[in-house]
Protein backbone atom coordinates (compact mmCIF):
# COMPACT_ATOMS: atom_id res chain seq x y z
CA SER A 1 0.06 -0.03 0.19
CA CYS A 2 1.11 3.50 0.05
CA GLU A 3 0.98 4.06 3.70
CA ASP A 4 4.12 2.77 4.19
CA ILE A 5 6.30 4.69 1.94
CA PRO A 6 8.33 7.96 2.44
CA LYS A 7 6.28 11.16 1.80
CA GLU A 8 8.64 12.07 -1.23
CA GLU A 9 7.62 8.89 -2.95
CA MET A 10 3.55 9.28 -2.45
CA PRO A 11 3.11 11.17 -5.78
CA PHE A 12 4.84 8.04 -7.50
CA CYS A 13 2.63 5.56 -5.47
CA SER A 14 1.16 2.79 -7.58
CA SER A 15 0.34 -1.16 -7.49
CA LYS A 16 4.22 -1.50 -7.87
CA ASN A 17 4.52 -0.17 -4.41
CA THR A 18 2.15 -3.06 -2.91
CA THR A 19 3.83 -5.79 -5.18
CA ASP A 20 7.04 -4.74 -3.84
CA PHE A 21 6.16 -4.47 -0.35
CA VAL A 22 4.82 -8.21 -0.60
CA LYS A 23 8.09 -9.37 -2.16
CA ARG A 24 9.79 -7.80 0.80
CA ALA A 25 7.10 -9.27 3.48
CA ILE A 26 7.61 -12.85 2.13
CA ALA A 27 11.37 -12.60 1.96
CA LYS A 28 11.31 -11.19 5.49
CA THR A 29 9.15 -13.57 7.25
CA LYS A 30 9.50 -16.70 4.79
CA PRO A 31 6.12 -18.19 5.16
CA ASN A 32 4.95 -21.76 4.42
CA PHE A 33 2.20 -20.51 2.72
CA ILE A 34 0.46 -17.26 1.43
CA VAL A 35 -3.07 -16.13 1.08
CA PHE A 36 -4.43 -12.93 -0.47
CA THR A 37 -7.51 -11.75 0.99
CA GLY A 38 -9.25 -10.04 -1.96
CA ASP A 39 -8.96 -6.91 -3.87
CA GLN A 40 -5.77 -7.73 -5.83
CA THR A 41 -6.80 -5.41 -8.46
CA ASP A 42 -8.99 -2.32 -8.51
CA GLY A 43 -12.47 -1.57 -10.33
CA GLY A 44 -10.55 0.92 -12.77
CA ASN A 45 -8.08 -1.61 -14.34
CA LYS A 46 -8.39 -2.11 -17.88
CA ASP A 47 -6.47 -5.42 -18.17
CA ALA A 48 -7.72 -7.60 -15.23
CA ARG A 49 -5.51 -10.59 -16.27
CA LYS A 50 -2.34 -8.52 -16.62
CA SER A 51 -3.08 -7.05 -13.25
CA GLN A 52 -4.21 -10.09 -11.21
CA THR A 53 -1.08 -11.94 -12.59
CA GLU A 54 1.46 -9.23 -11.46
CA ALA A 55 -0.61 -8.97 -8.06
CA LEU A 56 0.23 -12.33 -7.41
CA HIS A 57 3.52 -12.85 -8.94
CA PRO A 58 5.33 -12.40 -5.51
CA ALA A 59 3.93 -15.68 -4.32
CA VAL A 60 4.37 -17.41 -7.72
CA GLU A 61 8.08 -16.15 -7.92
CA SER A 62 8.59 -17.21 -4.13
CA GLY A 63 7.68 -20.92 -4.98
CA ILE A 64 5.52 -21.01 -1.81
CA PRO A 65 2.00 -22.48 -1.97
CA TRP A 66 -0.52 -19.82 -2.10
CA ALA A 67 -4.22 -19.42 -2.27
CA ALA A 68 -6.33 -16.28 -3.12
CA VAL A 69 -9.96 -15.16 -2.63
CA LEU A 70 -11.70 -12.27 -4.15
CA GLY A 71 -12.64 -9.08 -2.91
CA ASN A 72 -15.61 -6.60 -4.09
CA HIS A 73 -13.10 -5.00 -6.55
CA ASP A 74 -11.42 -7.64 -8.24
CA SER A 75 -14.48 -8.44 -10.78
CA GLU A 76 -15.16 -4.52 -11.46
CA SER A 77 -12.96 -4.75 -14.47
CA THR A 78 -12.40 -6.99 -17.57
CA LEU A 79 -12.98 -10.36 -16.29
CA THR A 80 -15.59 -12.06 -14.34
CA ARG A 81 -15.02 -13.61 -11.05
CA GLN A 82 -14.94 -17.01 -12.42
CA GLU A 83 -12.40 -15.93 -14.90
CA LEU A 84 -10.36 -14.53 -12.31
CA MET A 85 -10.57 -17.47 -10.03
CA GLU A 86 -9.67 -19.72 -13.23
CA LEU A 87 -6.77 -17.57 -13.78
CA GLY A 88 -5.25 -17.89 -10.32
CA ARG A 89 -5.95 -21.50 -10.29
CA GLY A 90 -3.43 -22.01 -13.25
CA LEU A 91 -0.70 -20.04 -11.91
CA PRO A 92 2.47 -22.06 -10.33
CA GLY A 93 1.99 -22.74 -6.50
CA SER A 94 -1.73 -22.10 -6.55
CA CYS A 95 -3.99 -23.79 -4.22
CA ALA A 96 -7.12 -21.67 -5.42
CA ARG A 97 -10.08 -23.39 -6.28
CA VAL A 98 -13.04 -22.05 -8.26
CA GLY A 99 -15.29 -23.49 -5.77
CA PRO A 100 -17.31 -26.60 -5.22
CA GLU A 101 -20.67 -27.52 -7.23
CA GLY A 102 -23.76 -26.28 -5.32
CA LEU A 103 -22.01 -23.39 -3.74
CA SER A 104 -22.96 -20.15 -5.05
CA GLY A 105 -20.11 -17.51 -6.26
CA SER A 106 -16.63 -18.22 -7.43
CA GLY A 107 -13.70 -18.59 -4.98
CA ASN A 108 -15.60 -20.28 -1.94
CA TYR A 109 -13.35 -22.90 -1.34
CA LYS A 110 -11.06 -24.38 1.66
CA VAL A 111 -7.49 -25.02 1.83
CA LEU A 112 -6.23 -27.75 4.58
CA LEU A 113 -3.08 -27.23 6.16
CA LYS A 114 -1.01 -29.31 8.24
CA GLY A 115 1.09 -28.40 10.92
CA GLY A 116 4.94 -29.47 10.35
């Protein structure tokens, strides 16, 4: 987000700041699993496929398993919620699922984690 950057960088704040922050957080914390909790993209984006792929790239690049769900802004662009979940599901390391049959919505799923 643009909240954790120096004031002189504020005029240049963009989604790249958030992506860089996520990369630093992954490197520092070395998680076993990464979860994106929605709003990976915003409604004004003209290329949701590119934006979603870039937002999830830090997890893909890390090689750490990850999952994502959708927020209210993710589908206010050029892809439907179903298409966004299918895109995420197809990326390396993804544990994302479109959702079980009979449950409304896209991205309603569970991931079982085992302690190690």
